[in-house]
């Protein structure tokens, strides 16, 4: 009896599945990509890694841990003679905006010159180089260390307002973000993050489904009647609640802190040909002045 029920159940499931040609259509691949992110946050390179790596769930993300094939020699060869690329987009980016003097004054409380460079180092302050340092709780050095971070300033544009990006590990993000909001007194949310819910609405489900009737295929249409093209989405951020605020501002100083996690991608290139790869890949845009 159990085998008979199981067979009937399998037949029902198989009848609902689509053929491989239908599954491999671009519009269906994008819909499947968006659906499978409901439980774990994916990086932009997730599909490439999932085919070649053993994936693990860490810090709210789904990351490639170890390769499925013996590629250690190939990676070492690329690092020493060619170019090796790593996806570090799971690192969290915290953006600070405000007057330069006020930023440096408060940031000096959570770092020390005894450990090396600080936020006000001349080569880093100009925006030409990226810096790295260790952060501590405000006025608590050498105790209560928060962890290592990297930072880069946006080059000066002539005004006293500056923009600073701080990259932190997702395991340290909440502690460092809480400390930054405390020293800058950013208690008022600038805007509330309203992200798309994990479960799609009925209207969106209707747009995703392929409507077939009597063997005739219908084109998917949106509200305007035009052909709807699904967009690949990176849903949310693995280190915060989707309904949590992502930007804060201080009323007294005007300093604004924004959480740019999963909005700014980060890649690391290692090897002697890294610069050649960048010059061949990136093209400088023409700046037009009015």
Protein backbone atom coordinates (compact mmCIF):
# COMPACT_ATOMS: atom_id res chain seq x y z
CA UNK A 1 0.00 0.00 0.00
CA UNK A 2 2.84 2.39 0.84
CA UNK A 3 4.59 1.63 -2.44
CA UNK A 4 1.38 2.26 -4.37
CA UNK A 5 0.81 5.61 -2.65
CA UNK A 6 4.42 6.54 -3.25
CA UNK A 7 4.15 5.71 -6.95
CA UNK A 8 1.00 7.82 -7.34
CA UNK A 9 2.67 10.71 -5.51
CA UNK A 10 5.73 10.51 -7.74
CA UNK A 11 3.61 10.55 -10.86
CA UNK A 12 1.88 13.73 -9.72
CA UNK A 13 5.21 15.42 -9.02
CA UNK A 14 6.72 14.35 -12.31
CA UNK A 15 3.75 15.67 -14.24
CA UNK A 16 4.36 19.17 -12.81
CA UNK A 17 8.05 19.31 -13.66
CA UNK A 18 9.11 21.03 -16.85
CA UNK A 19 11.35 19.59 -19.49
CA UNK A 20 15.01 20.55 -19.55
CA UNK A 21 14.53 22.90 -22.49
CA UNK A 22 11.91 24.85 -20.55
CA UNK A 23 14.03 24.94 -17.42
CA UNK A 24 17.03 26.26 -19.33
CA UNK A 25 15.19 29.27 -20.75
CA UNK A 26 16.65 32.52 -19.52
CA UNK A 27 13.41 33.73 -17.98
CA UNK A 28 13.01 30.49 -16.02
CA UNK A 29 16.65 30.48 -14.92
CA UNK A 30 16.29 33.98 -13.47
CA UNK A 31 13.06 33.02 -11.68
CA UNK A 32 14.77 29.96 -10.20
CA UNK A 33 17.75 32.09 -9.19
CA UNK A 34 15.49 34.46 -7.28
CA UNK A 35 13.48 31.67 -5.67
CA UNK A 36 16.46 29.75 -4.28
CA UNK A 37 17.75 32.78 -2.37
CA UNK A 38 14.90 32.71 0.12
CA UNK A 39 16.87 30.76 2.72
CA UNK A 40 20.49 31.79 2.11
CA UNK A 41 21.96 34.96 0.64
CA UNK A 42 23.83 34.37 -2.61
CA UNK A 43 26.75 36.29 -4.04
CA UNK A 44 26.84 37.39 -7.66
CA UNK A 45 29.23 34.51 -8.44
CA UNK A 46 27.22 31.88 -6.56
CA UNK A 47 26.27 29.74 -9.56
CA UNK A 48 29.87 29.60 -10.79
CA UNK A 49 31.10 28.53 -7.34
CA UNK A 50 28.24 26.07 -6.76
CA UNK A 51 29.33 24.07 -9.80
CA UNK A 52 32.96 23.83 -8.68
CA UNK A 53 33.05 24.19 -4.88
CA UNK A 54 31.55 22.66 -1.79
CA UNK A 55 29.23 25.33 -0.42
CA UNK A 56 28.88 26.17 3.27
CA UNK A 57 26.48 28.43 5.15
CA UNK A 58 28.34 31.05 7.18
CA UNK A 59 27.47 34.50 8.51
CA UNK A 60 24.12 34.46 6.72
CA UNK A 61 25.63 33.72 3.30
CA UNK A 62 26.17 30.67 1.11
CA UNK A 63 29.90 30.61 0.30
CA UNK A 64 32.29 28.32 -1.53
CA UNK A 65 34.55 26.56 0.98
CA UNK A 66 36.71 24.03 -0.87
CA UNK A 67 36.98 23.01 -4.55
CA UNK A 68 35.50 19.72 -5.67
CA UNK A 69 38.49 19.01 -7.92
CA UNK A 70 42.22 19.15 -7.34
CA UNK A 71 42.73 22.77 -8.30
CA UNK A 72 45.26 23.80 -5.67
CA UNK A 73 48.15 23.65 -8.13
CA UNK A 74 46.17 25.67 -10.68
CA UNK A 75 45.37 28.34 -8.06
CA UNK A 76 49.00 28.49 -6.96
CA UNK A 77 50.13 28.77 -10.58
CA UNK A 78 47.67 31.61 -11.16
CA UNK A 79 48.83 33.46 -8.03
CA UNK A 80 52.52 33.22 -8.95
CA UNK A 81 52.43 33.62 -12.74
CA UNK A 82 49.03 34.84 -13.87
CA UNK A 83 46.02 36.27 -11.99
CA UNK A 84 43.66 34.79 -9.40
CA UNK A 85 40.32 36.43 -8.55
CA UNK A 86 38.49 36.05 -5.23
CA UNK A 87 34.94 37.20 -4.51
CA UNK A 88 34.89 39.10 -1.20
CA UNK A 89 31.42 40.58 -1.63
CA UNK A 90 30.27 39.00 1.62
CA UNK A 91 32.39 41.59 3.44
CA UNK A 92 30.18 44.38 4.77
CA UNK A 93 30.61 47.99 3.71
CA UNK A 94 29.81 50.87 6.08
CA UNK A 95 29.64 54.31 4.50
CA UNK A 96 30.28 57.52 6.46
CA UNK A 97 29.45 60.99 5.14
CA UNK A 98 30.09 64.34 6.76
CA UNK A 99 32.65 67.03 7.47
CA UNK A 100 36.23 65.79 7.36
CA UNK A 101 37.28 67.38 10.67
CA UNK A 102 34.33 65.90 12.53
CA UNK A 103 34.90 62.46 11.03
CA UNK A 104 38.59 62.40 11.94
CA UNK A 105 37.92 63.75 15.43
CA UNK A 106 35.55 60.94 16.37
CA UNK A 107 37.32 58.17 14.45
CA UNK A 108 40.53 58.92 16.37
CA UNK A 109 38.77 57.63 19.51
CA UNK A 110 38.47 54.07 18.18
CA UNK A 111 42.02 53.62 16.82
CA UNK A 112 45.59 54.35 17.90
CA UNK A 113 48.84 55.37 16.21
CA UNK A 114 50.63 52.70 18.26
CA UNK A 115 49.12 49.98 16.05
CA UNK A 116 50.15 51.60 12.75
CA UNK A 117 48.25 53.76 10.27
CA UNK A 118 45.10 55.64 11.21
CA UNK A 119 42.25 57.23 9.30
CA UNK A 120 44.13 60.55 9.04
CA UNK A 121 47.25 59.16 7.34
CA UNK A 122 48.15 61.49 4.46
CA UNK A 123 48.43 58.80 1.78
CA UNK A 124 45.08 57.28 2.76
CA UNK A 125 43.28 60.58 3.42
CA UNK A 126 43.86 61.69 -0.16
CA UNK A 127 41.96 58.64 -1.42
CA UNK A 128 44.85 57.21 -3.46
CA UNK A 129 45.48 54.16 -1.27
CA UNK A 130 43.48 51.78 0.87
CA UNK A 131 44.39 51.52 4.55
CA UNK A 132 43.96 48.85 7.19
CA UNK A 133 43.89 49.13 10.97
CA UNK A 134 42.45 47.68 14.18
CA UNK A 135 39.41 49.23 15.80
CA UNK A 136 38.77 49.43 19.55
CA UNK A 137 35.89 50.63 21.62
CA UNK A 138 35.85 54.38 22.12
CA UNK A 139 38.68 55.56 24.42
CA UNK A 140 39.42 51.96 25.50
CA UNK A 141 42.77 51.28 23.76
CA UNK A 142 44.59 48.88 24.27
CA UNK A 143 41.60 46.99 25.71
CA UNK A 144 38.29 45.96 24.10
CA UNK A 145 39.51 45.44 20.55
CA UNK A 146 36.68 45.15 17.99
CA UNK A 147 38.68 43.73 15.09
CA UNK A 148 40.57 44.55 11.88
CA UNK A 149 39.03 46.65 9.10
CA UNK A 150 40.06 48.17 5.78
CA UNK A 151 39.02 51.62 4.62
CA UNK A 152 39.27 53.96 1.67
CA UNK A 153 38.42 57.65 1.37
CA UNK A 154 36.68 59.15 -1.63
CA UNK A 155 39.07 61.66 -3.26
CA UNK A 156 38.49 65.31 -2.42
CA UNK A 157 36.18 67.31 -4.64
CA UNK A 158 36.91 70.74 -3.17
CA UNK A 159 34.30 70.74 -0.39
CA UNK A 160 34.78 70.04 3.30
CA UNK A 161 32.39 67.09 3.19
CA UNK A 162 34.06 63.72 2.72
CA UNK A 163 32.94 60.15 2.11
CA UNK A 164 34.55 57.13 3.78
CA UNK A 165 33.98 53.42 3.16
CA UNK A 166 34.89 50.93 5.89
CA UNK A 167 34.98 47.22 5.04
CA UNK A 168 34.40 44.83 7.95
CA UNK A 169 33.97 41.10 8.31
CA UNK A 170 30.28 40.08 8.67
CA UNK A 171 31.01 38.54 12.08
CA UNK A 172 32.22 41.95 13.35
CA UNK A 173 29.73 44.18 11.59
CA UNK A 174 27.11 44.58 14.33
CA UNK A 175 29.64 45.46 17.05
CA UNK A 176 31.51 47.98 14.86
CA UNK A 177 28.30 49.52 13.54
CA UNK A 178 26.97 49.90 17.06
CA UNK A 179 30.22 51.64 18.13
CA UNK A 180 30.18 54.00 15.15
CA UNK A 181 26.61 55.03 15.85
CA UNK A 182 27.54 55.65 19.49
CA UNK A 183 30.56 57.92 18.86
CA UNK A 184 28.76 59.94 16.17
CA UNK A 185 25.47 59.93 18.11
CA UNK A 186 23.55 58.68 15.09
CA UNK A 187 20.30 57.64 16.72
CA UNK A 188 17.77 58.95 14.22
CA UNK A 189 17.19 56.75 11.15
CA UNK A 190 17.56 58.71 7.93
CA UNK A 191 15.25 56.33 6.06
CA UNK A 192 13.64 52.99 6.71
CA UNK A 193 14.72 50.00 4.67
CA UNK A 194 11.66 48.53 2.99
CA UNK A 195 12.82 45.48 1.12
CA UNK A 196 10.79 43.04 -0.87
CA UNK A 197 9.28 40.30 1.25
CA UNK A 198 10.79 36.87 0.96
CA UNK A 199 7.48 35.35 -0.11
CA UNK A 200 6.34 36.73 -3.41
CA UNK A 201 2.88 38.10 -3.88
CA UNK A 202 0.26 36.42 -6.01
CA UNK A 203 0.70 39.05 -8.70
CA UNK A 204 4.43 38.38 -8.94
CA UNK A 205 3.83 34.64 -9.02
CA UNK A 206 1.51 35.11 -11.98
CA UNK A 207 4.20 37.05 -13.82
CA UNK A 208 6.79 34.32 -13.23
CA UNK A 209 4.67 31.38 -14.31
CA UNK A 210 4.67 30.43 -17.95
CA UNK A 211 1.11 30.35 -19.16
CA UNK A 212 0.42 27.60 -21.66
CA UNK A 213 -3.00 26.86 -23.03
CA UNK A 214 -3.92 24.30 -25.68
CA UNK A 215 -0.33 24.06 -26.84
CA UNK A 216 -0.08 27.79 -27.57
CA UNK A 217 2.62 29.75 -25.71
CA UNK A 218 1.75 33.18 -24.44
CA UNK A 219 4.26 35.92 -23.85
CA UNK A 220 4.59 37.22 -20.33
CA UNK A 221 3.19 40.67 -20.03
CA UNK A 222 3.42 43.32 -17.37
CA UNK A 223 0.88 45.97 -16.38
CA UNK A 224 1.55 48.06 -19.49
CA UNK A 225 1.03 45.03 -21.72
CA UNK A 226 4.68 44.93 -22.72
CA UNK A 227 6.87 41.88 -22.54
CA UNK A 228 8.01 41.39 -18.95
CA UNK A 229 11.69 40.64 -18.47
CA UNK A 230 12.59 39.26 -15.02
CA UNK A 231 15.50 40.84 -13.21
CA UNK A 232 18.05 38.84 -11.28
CA UNK A 233 17.81 39.92 -7.65
CA UNK A 234 20.21 39.65 -4.74
CA UNK A 235 17.73 39.46 -1.88
CA UNK A 236 18.60 41.34 1.30
CA UNK A 237 21.72 41.07 3.41
CA UNK A 238 22.74 38.15 5.57
CA UNK A 239 23.82 40.34 8.48
CA UNK A 240 20.66 42.34 9.15
CA UNK A 241 16.91 42.04 9.41
CA UNK A 242 15.16 43.02 6.13
CA UNK A 243 12.89 45.42 8.06
CA UNK A 244 15.77 47.07 9.93
CA UNK A 245 16.98 50.60 9.15
CA UNK A 246 20.04 50.79 6.94
CA UNK A 247 20.91 54.49 7.28
CA UNK A 248 21.30 56.78 10.30
CA UNK A 249 22.09 60.48 10.72
CA UNK A 250 23.23 62.68 13.61
CA UNK A 251 21.19 65.85 14.07
CA UNK A 252 23.98 67.82 15.76
CA UNK A 253 26.89 67.16 13.37
CA UNK A 254 25.10 65.95 10.24
CA UNK A 255 27.22 62.79 10.05
CA UNK A 256 25.39 60.04 8.13
CA UNK A 257 26.14 56.32 8.43
CA UNK A 258 24.81 53.93 5.79
CA UNK A 259 24.99 50.16 5.54
CA UNK A 260 26.03 49.35 1.96
CA UNK A 261 26.38 45.59 2.40
CA UNK A 262 25.64 43.66 -0.83
CA UNK A 263 25.30 46.98 -2.68
CA UNK A 264 29.00 47.40 -3.45
CA UNK A 265 30.76 44.31 -4.77
CA UNK A 266 34.35 43.60 -3.79
CA UNK A 267 36.84 41.43 -5.67
CA UNK A 268 40.49 40.67 -4.92
CA UNK A 269 43.00 40.07 -7.71
CA UNK A 270 46.25 38.29 -6.84
CA UNK A 271 49.14 37.73 -9.21
CA UNK A 272 51.67 39.54 -11.41
CA UNK A 273 49.16 40.01 -14.26
CA UNK A 274 46.44 41.56 -12.09
CA UNK A 275 47.14 45.05 -13.35
CA UNK A 276 47.04 43.88 -16.97
CA UNK A 277 43.68 42.21 -16.40
CA UNK A 278 42.25 45.41 -14.92
CA UNK A 279 43.56 47.62 -17.72
CA UNK A 280 42.11 45.29 -20.36
CA UNK A 281 38.77 44.96 -18.54
CA UNK A 282 38.06 48.48 -17.32
CA UNK A 283 37.81 51.45 -19.63
CA UNK A 284 38.00 55.02 -18.38
CA UNK A 285 34.84 57.02 -18.95
CA UNK A 286 34.98 60.39 -20.65
CA UNK A 287 34.21 63.21 -18.22
CA UNK A 288 32.04 65.95 -19.67
CA UNK A 289 31.99 69.30 -17.89
CA UNK A 290 29.07 71.63 -18.41
